[in-house]
Amino acid sequence: MAGKRKSKQNQMAYQEFGADNSQALQRGVPDLPPNQQDLRIQATRSGRKGKTVTIITGLQHNPETLTKLLKKLKSQCGSGGTVKENTLEIQGDHKQKLLEVLTKLGYKAKVSGG
């Protein structure tokens, strides 16, 4: 048994204000209305093995709202996508289509890049 150590999981040295502090650890994300957000739409292929992905940055929503918006945008473009941090990634080059859809939803969006 030499060399084996016991795991130190859940060994807390000090804790204040009760046992459950998960609410305090969650980062507060402001859920701004669409007309107060400036979005950038950009198509890129870097780091994706040559596959084109359209990225939407500048979103300030909570994760639930982001997933609802992503679902709506994916269905409009007819392709897949994902949420990474506060950006939406949609497979394929859909800059103009996403610009139209986002402006109809009330967002201030611009196409950036070439």
Protein backbone atom coordinates (compact mmCIF):
# COMPACT_ATOMS: atom_id res chain seq x y z
CA MET A 1 0.00 0.00 0.00
CA ALA A 2 3.00 2.28 -0.14
CA GLY A 3 2.50 5.24 -2.45
CA LYS A 4 -1.31 5.24 -2.36
CA ARG A 5 -3.01 8.25 -0.89
CA LYS A 6 -6.58 8.78 0.09
CA SER A 7 -8.57 11.25 -1.96
CA LYS A 8 -9.21 14.62 -0.37
CA GLN A 9 -12.61 15.16 -1.91
CA ASN A 10 -15.14 17.13 0.09
CA GLN A 11 -12.66 18.00 2.82
CA MET A 12 -13.39 21.62 3.54
CA ALA A 13 -11.10 23.54 5.85
CA TYR A 14 -13.51 26.41 6.52
CA GLN A 15 -17.05 27.20 5.51
CA GLU A 16 -19.23 30.10 6.46
CA PHE A 17 -22.98 30.72 6.15
CA GLY A 18 -24.35 27.22 5.80
CA ALA A 19 -23.59 24.27 3.59
CA ASP A 20 -25.13 25.27 0.25
CA ASN A 21 -23.43 28.18 -1.52
CA SER A 22 -24.06 27.09 -5.12
CA GLN A 23 -26.20 30.19 -5.74
CA ALA A 24 -23.32 32.45 -4.78
CA LEU A 25 -20.87 30.63 -7.03
CA GLN A 26 -22.98 31.09 -10.17
CA ARG A 27 -21.87 34.02 -12.24
CA GLY A 28 -24.53 36.63 -12.72
CA VAL A 29 -25.16 37.22 -16.43
CA PRO A 30 -27.30 40.23 -17.30
CA ASP A 31 -30.21 39.27 -19.52
CA LEU A 32 -30.46 42.43 -21.61
CA PRO A 33 -33.31 43.02 -24.06
CA PRO A 34 -32.40 42.53 -27.75
CA ASN A 35 -32.41 46.25 -28.64
CA GLN A 36 -29.61 46.92 -26.10
CA GLN A 37 -27.20 44.35 -27.53
CA ASP A 38 -24.63 44.89 -30.29
CA LEU A 39 -23.92 41.62 -32.05
CA ARG A 40 -21.17 40.69 -34.49
CA ILE A 41 -21.66 37.95 -37.07
CA GLN A 42 -18.53 36.42 -38.54
CA ALA A 43 -17.71 33.34 -40.63
CA THR A 44 -14.47 31.57 -39.79
CA ARG A 45 -12.62 28.34 -40.54
CA SER A 46 -9.70 28.65 -38.15
CA GLY A 47 -9.19 25.66 -35.88
CA ARG A 48 -12.04 23.68 -37.42
CA LYS A 49 -10.22 21.55 -40.01
CA GLY A 50 -11.42 23.66 -42.93
CA LYS A 51 -15.11 23.63 -41.98
CA THR A 52 -16.85 27.01 -42.10
CA VAL A 53 -18.67 28.11 -38.95
CA THR A 54 -20.67 31.31 -38.44
CA ILE A 55 -20.01 32.85 -35.02
CA ILE A 56 -22.31 35.32 -33.26
CA THR A 57 -20.61 37.30 -30.48
CA GLY A 58 -21.71 40.05 -28.14
CA LEU A 59 -24.69 38.23 -26.64
CA GLN A 60 -25.59 39.03 -23.04
CA HIS A 61 -28.18 36.44 -22.06
CA ASN A 62 -28.45 33.70 -19.47
CA PRO A 63 -27.75 30.15 -20.71
CA GLU A 64 -31.43 29.21 -21.05
CA THR A 65 -32.16 32.18 -23.31
CA LEU A 66 -29.05 31.43 -25.38
CA THR A 67 -30.15 27.86 -26.01
CA LYS A 68 -33.65 29.00 -27.04
CA LEU A 69 -32.16 31.57 -29.43
CA LEU A 70 -29.73 29.01 -30.83
CA LYS A 71 -32.55 26.57 -31.50
CA LYS A 72 -34.49 29.26 -33.38
CA LEU A 73 -31.44 30.26 -35.46
CA LYS A 74 -30.50 26.67 -36.27
CA SER A 75 -33.98 25.95 -37.56
CA GLN A 76 -33.89 29.09 -39.74
CA CYS A 77 -30.54 28.07 -41.26
CA GLY A 78 -31.25 24.35 -41.44
CA SER A 79 -27.98 23.40 -39.80
CA GLY A 80 -26.42 22.43 -36.49
CA GLY A 81 -24.73 24.59 -33.92
CA THR A 82 -23.63 25.02 -30.33
CA VAL A 83 -23.28 27.51 -27.50
CA LYS A 84 -19.71 28.17 -26.33
CA GLU A 85 -19.42 30.61 -23.43
CA ASN A 86 -21.44 33.64 -24.62
CA THR A 87 -21.08 32.96 -28.34
CA LEU A 88 -23.25 30.99 -30.71
CA GLU A 89 -21.65 28.84 -33.41
CA ILE A 90 -23.73 27.72 -36.36
CA GLN A 91 -22.34 25.29 -38.92
CA GLY A 92 -21.87 26.72 -42.39
CA ASP A 93 -21.67 30.24 -43.82
CA HIS A 94 -25.00 31.87 -42.93
CA LYS A 95 -23.95 35.48 -42.32
CA GLN A 96 -26.65 37.21 -44.37
CA LYS A 97 -29.46 34.90 -43.26
CA LEU A 98 -28.54 35.33 -39.59
CA LEU A 99 -28.29 39.10 -40.02
CA GLU A 100 -31.86 39.20 -41.36
CA VAL A 101 -33.25 36.92 -38.66
CA LEU A 102 -31.51 38.72 -35.78
CA THR A 103 -32.62 42.16 -36.95
CA LYS A 104 -36.21 40.88 -37.19
CA LEU A 105 -35.87 39.70 -33.59
CA GLY A 106 -34.84 43.22 -32.55
CA TYR A 107 -31.06 42.80 -32.19
CA LYS A 108 -28.54 45.34 -33.50
CA ALA A 109 -26.30 43.11 -35.59
CA LYS A 110 -23.43 43.70 -38.00
CA VAL A 111 -21.44 41.40 -40.25
CA SER A 112 -17.75 41.64 -39.45
CA GLY A 113 -14.80 40.24 -41.35
CA GLY A 114 -14.61 39.38 -45.04
